[in-house]
Amino acid sequence: MNDNHPPSAWSTYSRTVFIAFAAVALALIAYEHRVHVLGILPWLLILACPLMHMFMHHGHGGHSGHDHSRHDARMTPHKPKEKEDV
């Protein structure tokens, strides 16, 4: 069998050089703009609170399509019925 494939545009060497260049470029950009990133960080933490509330609670309403009655019944402790002495 003869496997004559055209050469790939992204050879291993090209990929390695691109990844190294991208890593250096990202490091330099992050270093130069660290003041901007650190300045917005408190606002991102404040924004994370309502976003986590929305996504982690799944609305608590009937809009999510989940049946919460089974969940609530499962979470309440089950008390065994006491037998009456006759």
PDB file of N, CA and C in Angstrom:
ATOM      1  N   MET A   1       0.829  -1.167   0.000  1.00  0.00           N
ATOM      2  CA  MET A   1       0.000   0.000   0.000  1.00  0.00           C
ATOM      3  C   MET A   1       0.880   1.239   0.000  1.00  0.00           C
ATOM      4  N   ASN A   2       0.509   2.209  -0.773  1.00  0.00           N
ATOM      5  CA  ASN A   2       1.299   3.428  -0.899  1.00  0.00           C
ATOM      6  C   ASN A   2       0.521   4.581  -0.279  1.00  0.00           C
ATOM      7  N   ASP A   3       1.029   5.123   0.813  1.00  0.00           N
ATOM      8  CA  ASP A   3       0.365   6.243   1.482  1.00  0.00           C
ATOM      9  C   ASP A   3       1.027   7.550   1.070  1.00  0.00           C
ATOM     10  N   ASN A   4       0.551   8.124   0.014  1.00  0.00           N
ATOM     11  CA  ASN A   4       1.067   9.409  -0.452  1.00  0.00           C
ATOM     12  C   ASN A   4       0.114  10.517  -0.017  1.00  0.00           C
ATOM     13  N   HIS A   5       0.327  11.013   1.185  1.00  0.00           N
ATOM     14  CA  HIS A   5      -0.492  12.108   1.701  1.00  0.00           C
ATOM     15  C   HIS A   5       0.252  13.412   1.448  1.00  0.00           C
ATOM     16  N   PRO A   6      -0.490  14.481   1.143  1.00  0.00           N
ATOM     17  CA  PRO A   6       0.185  15.772   0.996  1.00  0.00           C
ATOM     18  C   PRO A   6       0.730  16.221   2.343  1.00  0.00           C
ATOM     19  N   PRO A   7       1.812  16.977   2.352  1.00  0.00           N
ATOM     20  CA  PRO A   7       2.386  17.419   3.626  1.00  0.00           C
ATOM     21  C   PRO A   7       1.403  18.331   4.359  1.00  0.00           C
ATOM     22  N   SER A   8       1.353  18.145   5.655  1.00  0.00           N
ATOM     23  CA  SER A   8       0.443  18.921   6.479  1.00  0.00           C
ATOM     24  C   SER A   8       0.922  20.368   6.577  1.00  0.00           C
ATOM     25  N   ALA A   9      -0.018  21.285   6.611  1.00  0.00           N
ATOM     26  CA  ALA A   9       0.337  22.687   6.751  1.00  0.00           C
ATOM     27  C   ALA A   9       0.882  22.966   8.154  1.00  0.00           C
ATOM     28  N   TRP A  10       0.454  22.162   9.116  1.00  0.00           N
ATOM     29  CA  TRP A  10       0.910  22.315  10.485  1.00  0.00           C
ATOM     30  C   TRP A  10       1.797  21.132  10.857  1.00  0.00           C
ATOM     31  N   SER A  11       3.052  21.189  10.496  1.00  0.00           N
ATOM     32  CA  SER A  11       3.963  20.126  10.891  1.00  0.00           C
ATOM     33  C   SER A  11       4.241  20.247  12.394  1.00  0.00           C
ATOM     34  N   THR A  12       4.878  19.258  12.932  1.00  0.00           N
ATOM     35  CA  THR A  12       5.172  19.256  14.366  1.00  0.00           C
ATOM     36  C   THR A  12       6.046  20.454  14.740  1.00  0.00           C
ATOM     37  N   TYR A  13       7.008  20.752  13.897  1.00  0.00           N
ATOM     38  CA  TYR A  13       7.898  21.886  14.162  1.00  0.00           C
ATOM     39  C   TYR A  13       7.124  23.200  14.129  1.00  0.00           C
ATOM     40  N   SER A  14       6.267  23.374  13.137  1.00  0.00           N
ATOM     41  CA  SER A  14       5.479  24.610  13.025  1.00  0.00           C
ATOM     42  C   SER A  14       4.556  24.769  14.227  1.00  0.00           C
ATOM     43  N   ARG A  15       3.934  23.681  14.640  1.00  0.00           N
ATOM     44  CA  ARG A  15       3.046  23.718  15.798  1.00  0.00           C
ATOM     45  C   ARG A  15       3.808  24.111  17.064  1.00  0.00           C
ATOM     46  N   THR A  16       4.982  23.550  17.258  1.00  0.00           N
ATOM     47  CA  THR A  16       5.795  23.844  18.438  1.00  0.00           C
ATOM     48  C   THR A  16       6.217  25.311  18.456  1.00  0.00           C
ATOM     49  N   VAL A  17       6.649  25.828  17.316  1.00  0.00           N
ATOM     50  CA  VAL A  17       7.065  27.227  17.232  1.00  0.00           C
ATOM     51  C   VAL A  17       5.880  28.145  17.507  1.00  0.00           C
ATOM     52  N   PHE A  18       4.702  27.815  16.952  1.00  0.00           N
ATOM     53  CA  PHE A  18       3.522  28.643  17.175  1.00  0.00           C
ATOM     54  C   PHE A  18       3.121  28.648  18.647  1.00  0.00           C
ATOM     55  N   ILE A  19       3.121  27.495  19.289  1.00  0.00           N
ATOM     56  CA  ILE A  19       2.743  27.415  20.707  1.00  0.00           C
ATOM     57  C   ILE A  19       3.732  28.200  21.566  1.00  0.00           C
ATOM     58  N   ALA A  20       5.020  28.111  21.268  1.00  0.00           N
ATOM     59  CA  ALA A  20       6.023  28.862  22.027  1.00  0.00           C
ATOM     60  C   ALA A  20       5.822  30.370  21.825  1.00  0.00           C
ATOM     61  N   PHE A  21       5.583  30.794  20.584  1.00  0.00           N
ATOM     62  CA  PHE A  21       5.353  32.206  20.305  1.00  0.00           C
ATOM     63  C   PHE A  21       4.099  32.700  21.030  1.00  0.00           C
ATOM     64  N   ALA A  22       3.030  31.914  20.990  1.00  0.00           N
ATOM     65  CA  ALA A  22       1.781  32.304  21.648  1.00  0.00           C
ATOM     66  C   ALA A  22       1.965  32.398  23.159  1.00  0.00           C
ATOM     67  N   ALA A  23       2.723  31.474  23.751  1.00  0.00           N
ATOM     68  CA  ALA A  23       2.963  31.499  25.192  1.00  0.00           C
ATOM     69  C   ALA A  23       3.749  32.746  25.595  1.00  0.00           C
ATOM     70  N   VAL A  24       4.777  33.091  24.822  1.00  0.00           N
ATOM     71  CA  VAL A  24       5.570  34.288  25.122  1.00  0.00           C
ATOM     72  C   VAL A  24       4.714  35.538  24.943  1.00  0.00           C
ATOM     73  N   ALA A  25       3.912  35.589  23.884  1.00  0.00           N
ATOM     74  CA  ALA A  25       3.058  36.752  23.636  1.00  0.00           C
ATOM     75  C   ALA A  25       2.037  36.916  24.760  1.00  0.00           C
ATOM     76  N   LEU A  26       1.406  35.828  25.192  1.00  0.00           N
ATOM     77  CA  LEU A  26       0.433  35.909  26.286  1.00  0.00           C
ATOM     78  C   LEU A  26       1.097  36.342  27.598  1.00  0.00           C
ATOM     79  N   ALA A  27       2.304  35.849  27.862  1.00  0.00           N
ATOM     80  CA  ALA A  27       3.016  36.242  29.078  1.00  0.00           C
ATOM     81  C   ALA A  27       3.334  37.733  29.055  1.00  0.00           C
ATOM     82  N   LEU A  28       3.786  38.250  27.914  1.00  0.00           N
ATOM     83  CA  LEU A  28       4.102  39.674  27.824  1.00  0.00           C
ATOM     84  C   LEU A  28       2.845  40.542  27.940  1.00  0.00           C
ATOM     85  N   ILE A  29       1.768  40.120  27.315  1.00  0.00           N
ATOM     86  CA  ILE A  29       0.517  40.878  27.407  1.00  0.00           C
ATOM     87  C   ILE A  29       0.005  40.871  28.844  1.00  0.00           C
ATOM     88  N   ALA A  30       0.058  39.719  29.502  1.00  0.00           N
ATOM     89  CA  ALA A  30      -0.406  39.637  30.890  1.00  0.00           C
ATOM     90  C   ALA A  30       0.460  40.506  31.802  1.00  0.00           C
ATOM     91  N   TYR A  31       1.756  40.543  31.543  1.00  0.00           N
ATOM     92  CA  TYR A  31       2.663  41.349  32.361  1.00  0.00           C
ATOM     93  C   TYR A  31       2.396  42.844  32.166  1.00  0.00           C
ATOM     94  N   GLU A  32       2.210  43.253  30.931  1.00  0.00           N
ATOM     95  CA  GLU A  32       1.995  44.668  30.642  1.00  0.00           C
ATOM     96  C   GLU A  32       0.635  45.159  31.125  1.00  0.00           C
ATOM     97  N   HIS A  33      -0.359  44.308  31.149  1.00  0.00           N
ATOM     98  CA  HIS A  33      -1.708  44.728  31.495  1.00  0.00           C
ATOM     99  C   HIS A  33      -2.167  44.206  32.855  1.00  0.00           C
ATOM    100  N   ARG A  34      -1.233  43.857  33.724  1.00  0.00           N
ATOM    101  CA  ARG A  34      -1.603  43.301  35.024  1.00  0.00           C
ATOM    102  C   ARG A  34      -2.364  44.309  35.868  1.00  0.00           C
ATOM    103  N   VAL A  35      -2.096  45.595  35.707  1.00  0.00           N
ATOM    104  CA  VAL A  35      -2.800  46.612  36.489  1.00  0.00           C
ATOM    105  C   VAL A  35      -4.280  46.610  36.111  1.00  0.00           C
ATOM    106  N   HIS A  36      -4.580  46.478  34.819  1.00  0.00           N
ATOM    107  CA  HIS A  36      -5.966  46.448  34.377  1.00  0.00           C
ATOM    108  C   HIS A  36      -6.666  45.188  34.877  1.00  0.00           C
ATOM    109  N   VAL A  37      -5.981  44.067  34.805  1.00  0.00           N
ATOM    110  CA  VAL A  37      -6.578  42.801  35.230  1.00  0.00           C
ATOM    111  C   VAL A  37      -6.817  42.808  36.736  1.00  0.00           C
ATOM    112  N   LEU A  38      -5.858  43.275  37.509  1.00  0.00           N
ATOM    113  CA  LEU A  38      -6.020  43.308  38.962  1.00  0.00           C
ATOM    114  C   LEU A  38      -7.056  44.344  39.384  1.00  0.00           C
ATOM    115  N   GLY A  39      -7.234  45.388  38.596  1.00  0.00           N
ATOM    116  CA  GLY A  39      -8.228  46.405  38.913  1.00  0.00           C
ATOM    117  C   GLY A  39      -9.652  45.911  38.705  1.00  0.00           C
ATOM    118  N   ILE A  40      -9.847  45.007  37.781  1.00  0.00           N
ATOM    119  CA  ILE A  40     -11.192  44.503  37.497  1.00  0.00           C
ATOM    120  C   ILE A  40     -11.502  43.241  38.317  1.00  0.00           C
ATOM    121  N   LEU A  41     -10.516  42.649  38.957  1.00  0.00           N
ATOM    122  CA  LEU A  41     -10.713  41.415  39.704  1.00  0.00           C
ATOM    123  C   LEU A  41     -11.780  41.517  40.807  1.00  0.00           C
ATOM    124  N   PRO A  42     -11.832  42.574  41.619  1.00  0.00           N
ATOM    125  CA  PRO A  42     -12.912  42.651  42.632  1.00  0.00           C
ATOM    126  C   PRO A  42     -14.297  42.683  41.995  1.00  0.00           C
ATOM    127  N   TRP A  43     -14.436  43.351  40.875  1.00  0.00           N
ATOM    128  CA  TRP A  43     -15.738  43.398  40.201  1.00  0.00           C
ATOM    129  C   TRP A  43     -16.127  42.035  39.658  1.00  0.00           C
ATOM    130  N   LEU A  44     -15.155  41.257  39.216  1.00  0.00           N
ATOM    131  CA  LEU A  44     -15.453  39.907  38.739  1.00  0.00           C
ATOM    132  C   LEU A  44     -15.921  39.014  39.885  1.00  0.00           C
ATOM    133  N   LEU A  45     -15.347  39.180  41.056  1.00  0.00           N
ATOM    134  CA  LEU A  45     -15.791  38.410  42.214  1.00  0.00           C
ATOM    135  C   LEU A  45     -17.214  38.790  42.618  1.00  0.00           C
ATOM    136  N   ILE A  46     -17.532  40.088  42.570  1.00  0.00           N
ATOM    137  CA  ILE A  46     -18.890  40.524  42.898  1.00  0.00           C
ATOM    138  C   ILE A  46     -19.874  40.001  41.858  1.00  0.00           C
ATOM    139  N   LEU A  47     -19.491  40.006  40.594  1.00  0.00           N
ATOM    140  CA  LEU A  47     -20.349  39.495  39.527  1.00  0.00           C
ATOM    141  C   LEU A  47     -20.535  37.986  39.639  1.00  0.00           C
ATOM    142  N   ALA A  48     -19.561  37.290  40.189  1.00  0.00           N
ATOM    143  CA  ALA A  48     -19.656  35.833  40.311  1.00  0.00           C
ATOM    144  C   ALA A  48     -20.747  35.412  41.291  1.00  0.00           C
ATOM    145  N   CYS A  49     -21.055  36.239  42.283  1.00  0.00           N
ATOM    146  CA  CYS A  49     -22.067  35.875  43.287  1.00  0.00           C
ATOM    147  C   CYS A  49     -23.444  35.645  42.671  1.00  0.00           C
ATOM    148  N   PRO A  50     -24.021  36.607  41.927  1.00  0.00           N
ATOM    149  CA  PRO A  50     -25.340  36.335  41.351  1.00  0.00           C
ATOM    150  C   PRO A  50     -25.302  35.264  40.268  1.00  0.00           C
ATOM    151  N   LEU A  51     -24.197  35.166  39.551  1.00  0.00           N
ATOM    152  CA  LEU A  51     -24.108  34.127  38.521  1.00  0.00           C
ATOM    153  C   LEU A  51     -24.094  32.739  39.151  1.00  0.00           C
ATOM    154  N   MET A  52     -23.349  32.564  40.239  1.00  0.00           N
ATOM    155  CA  MET A  52     -23.346  31.273  40.919  1.00  0.00           C
ATOM    156  C   MET A  52     -24.708  30.978  41.504  1.00  0.00           C
ATOM    157  N   HIS A  53     -25.384  31.990  42.022  1.00  0.00           N
ATOM    158  CA  HIS A  53     -26.709  31.788  42.584  1.00  0.00           C
ATOM    159  C   HIS A  53     -27.677  31.317  41.509  1.00  0.00           C
ATOM    160  N   MET A  54     -27.623  31.934  40.345  1.00  0.00           N
ATOM    161  CA  MET A  54     -28.530  31.552  39.262  1.00  0.00           C
ATOM    162  C   MET A  54     -28.251  30.141  38.758  1.00  0.00           C
ATOM    163  N   PHE A  55     -26.984  29.826  38.542  1.00  0.00           N
ATOM    164  CA  PHE A  55     -26.654  28.548  37.920  1.00  0.00           C
ATOM    165  C   PHE A  55     -26.610  27.388  38.911  1.00  0.00           C
ATOM    166  N   MET A  56     -26.308  27.645  40.168  1.00  0.00           N
ATOM    167  CA  MET A  56     -26.180  26.543  41.120  1.00  0.00           C
ATOM    168  C   MET A  56     -27.504  26.196  41.783  1.00  0.00           C
ATOM    169  N   HIS A  57     -28.433  27.147  41.853  1.00  0.00           N
ATOM    170  CA  HIS A  57     -29.723  26.859  42.462  1.00  0.00           C
ATOM    171  C   HIS A  57     -30.751  26.387  41.446  1.00  0.00           C
ATOM    172  N   HIS A  58     -30.484  26.533  40.195  1.00  0.00           N
ATOM    173  CA  HIS A  58     -31.378  26.092  39.118  1.00  0.00           C
ATOM    174  C   HIS A  58     -32.766  26.710  39.246  1.00  0.00           C
ATOM    175  N   GLY A  59     -32.860  27.910  39.756  1.00  0.00           N
ATOM    176  CA  GLY A  59     -34.112  28.639  39.759  1.00  0.00           C
ATOM    177  C   GLY A  59     -35.039  28.359  40.920  1.00  0.00           C
ATOM    178  N   HIS A  60     -35.009  27.232  41.550  1.00  0.00           N
ATOM    179  CA  HIS A  60     -35.894  26.832  42.649  1.00  0.00           C
ATOM    180  C   HIS A  60     -37.364  26.892  42.285  1.00  0.00           C
ATOM    181  N   GLY A  61     -37.686  27.118  41.046  1.00  0.00           N
ATOM    182  CA  GLY A  61     -39.084  27.196  40.650  1.00  0.00           C
ATOM    183  C   GLY A  61     -39.453  25.996  39.799  1.00  0.00           C
ATOM    184  N   GLY A  62     -40.669  26.008  39.275  1.00  0.00           N
ATOM    185  CA  GLY A  62     -41.116  24.921  38.426  1.00  0.00           C
ATOM    186  C   GLY A  62     -40.624  25.071  37.004  1.00  0.00           C
ATOM    187  N   HIS A  63     -39.821  26.072  36.744  1.00  0.00           N
ATOM    188  CA  HIS A  63     -39.370  26.342  35.385  1.00  0.00           C
ATOM    189  C   HIS A  63     -38.272  25.401  34.926  1.00  0.00           C
ATOM    190  N   SER A  64     -37.578  24.770  35.860  1.00  0.00           N
ATOM    191  CA  SER A  64     -36.440  23.937  35.475  1.00  0.00           C
ATOM    192  C   SER A  64     -36.858  22.564  34.979  1.00  0.00           C
ATOM    193  N   GLY A  65     -38.100  22.170  35.221  1.00  0.00           N
ATOM    194  CA  GLY A  65     -38.567  20.875  34.753  1.00  0.00           C
ATOM    195  C   GLY A  65     -38.259  19.746  35.711  1.00  0.00           C
ATOM    196  N   HIS A  66     -37.633  20.034  36.839  1.00  0.00           N
ATOM    197  CA  HIS A  66     -37.329  18.994  37.822  1.00  0.00           C
ATOM    198  C   HIS A  66     -38.486  18.862  38.789  1.00  0.00           C
ATOM    199  N   ASP A  67     -38.703  17.674  39.272  1.00  0.00           N
ATOM    200  CA  ASP A  67     -39.741  17.443  40.264  1.00  0.00           C
ATOM    201  C   ASP A  67     -39.101  17.547  41.644  1.00  0.00           C
ATOM    202  N   HIS A  68     -39.326  18.683  42.316  1.00  0.00           N
ATOM    203  CA  HIS A  68     -38.703  18.910  43.615  1.00  0.00           C
ATOM    204  C   HIS A  68     -39.449  18.214  44.746  1.00  0.00           C
ATOM    205  N   SER A  69     -40.668  17.722  44.494  1.00  0.00           N
ATOM    206  CA  SER A  69     -41.413  17.071  45.568  1.00  0.00           C
ATOM    207  C   SER A  69     -40.733  15.769  45.982  1.00  0.00           C
ATOM    208  N   ARG A  70     -40.192  15.034  45.028  1.00  0.00           N
ATOM    209  CA  ARG A  70     -39.473  13.798  45.371  1.00  0.00           C
ATOM    210  C   ARG A  70     -38.197  14.135  46.126  1.00  0.00           C
ATOM    211  N   HIS A  71     -37.532  15.204  45.729  1.00  0.00           N
ATOM    212  CA  HIS A  71     -36.287  15.593  46.381  1.00  0.00           C
ATOM    213  C   HIS A  71     -36.566  16.007  47.825  1.00  0.00           C
ATOM    214  N   ASP A  72     -37.617  16.787  48.040  1.00  0.00           N
ATOM    215  CA  ASP A  72     -37.942  17.230  49.386  1.00  0.00           C
ATOM    216  C   ASP A  72     -38.361  16.058  50.265  1.00  0.00           C
ATOM    217  N   ALA A  73     -39.126  15.115  49.705  1.00  0.00           N
ATOM    218  CA  ALA A  73     -39.558  13.956  50.480  1.00  0.00           C
ATOM    219  C   ALA A  73     -38.371  13.079  50.844  1.00  0.00           C
ATOM    220  N   ARG A  74     -37.398  13.010  49.981  1.00  0.00           N
ATOM    221  CA  ARG A  74     -36.224  12.194  50.231  1.00  0.00           C
ATOM    222  C   ARG A  74     -35.346  12.828  51.308  1.00  0.00           C
ATOM    223  N   MET A  75     -35.370  14.153  51.402  1.00  0.00           N
ATOM    224  CA  MET A  75     -34.500  14.834  52.342  1.00  0.00           C
ATOM    225  C   MET A  75     -35.077  14.876  53.754  1.00  0.00           C
ATOM    226  N   THR A  76     -36.379  14.719  53.923  1.00  0.00           N
ATOM    227  CA  THR A  76     -36.957  14.728  55.262  1.00  0.00           C
ATOM    228  C   THR A  76     -36.743  13.366  55.903  1.00  0.00           C
ATOM    229  N   PRO A  77     -36.388  13.352  57.174  1.00  0.00           N
ATOM    230  CA  PRO A  77     -36.145  12.053  57.817  1.00  0.00           C
ATOM    231  C   PRO A  77     -37.438  11.259  57.934  1.00  0.00           C
ATOM    232  N   HIS A  78     -37.338   9.989  57.698  1.00  0.00           N
ATOM    233  CA  HIS A  78     -38.498   9.106  57.747  1.00  0.00           C
ATOM    234  C   HIS A  78     -38.635   8.561  59.160  1.00  0.00           C
ATOM    235  N   LYS A  79     -39.800   8.768  59.742  1.00  0.00           N
ATOM    236  CA  LYS A  79     -40.055   8.245  61.083  1.00  0.00           C
ATOM    237  C   LYS A  79     -40.892   6.972  60.944  1.00  0.00           C
ATOM    238  N   PRO A  80     -40.417   5.874  61.499  1.00  0.00           N
ATOM    239  CA  PRO A  80     -41.199   4.658  61.390  1.00  0.00           C
ATOM    240  C   PRO A  80     -42.474   4.752  62.225  1.00  0.00           C
ATOM    241  N   LYS A  81     -43.494   4.149  61.723  1.00  0.00           N
ATOM    242  CA  LYS A  81     -44.784   4.174  62.409  1.00  0.00           C
ATOM    243  C   LYS A  81     -44.699   3.292  63.655  1.00  0.00           C
ATOM    244  N   GLU A  82     -45.134   3.847  64.782  1.00  0.00           N
ATOM    245  CA  GLU A  82     -45.097   3.087  66.031  1.00  0.00           C
ATOM    246  C   GLU A  82     -46.237   2.103  66.089  1.00  0.00           C
ATOM    247  N   LYS A  83     -45.954   0.904  66.560  1.00  0.00           N
ATOM    248  CA  LYS A  83     -46.997  -0.114  66.684  1.00  0.00           C
ATOM    249  C   LYS A  83     -47.748   0.092  67.996  1.00  0.00           C
ATOM    250  N   GLU A  84     -49.057  -0.086  67.888  1.00  0.00           N
ATOM    251  CA  GLU A  84     -49.868   0.030  69.088  1.00  0.00           C
ATOM    252  C   GLU A  84     -49.930  -1.325  69.789  1.00  0.00           C
ATOM    253  N   ASP A  85     -49.754  -1.319  71.078  1.00  0.00           N
ATOM    254  CA  ASP A  85     -49.880  -2.567  71.850  1.00  0.00           C
ATOM    255  C   ASP A  85     -51.343  -2.845  72.102  1.00  0.00           C
ATOM    256  N   VAL A  86     -51.805  -4.021  71.716  1.00  0.00           N
ATOM    257  CA  VAL A  86     -53.205  -4.385  71.886  1.00  0.00           C
ATOM    258  C   VAL A  86     -53.340  -5.437  72.972  1.00  0.00           C
TER     259      VAL A  86
END
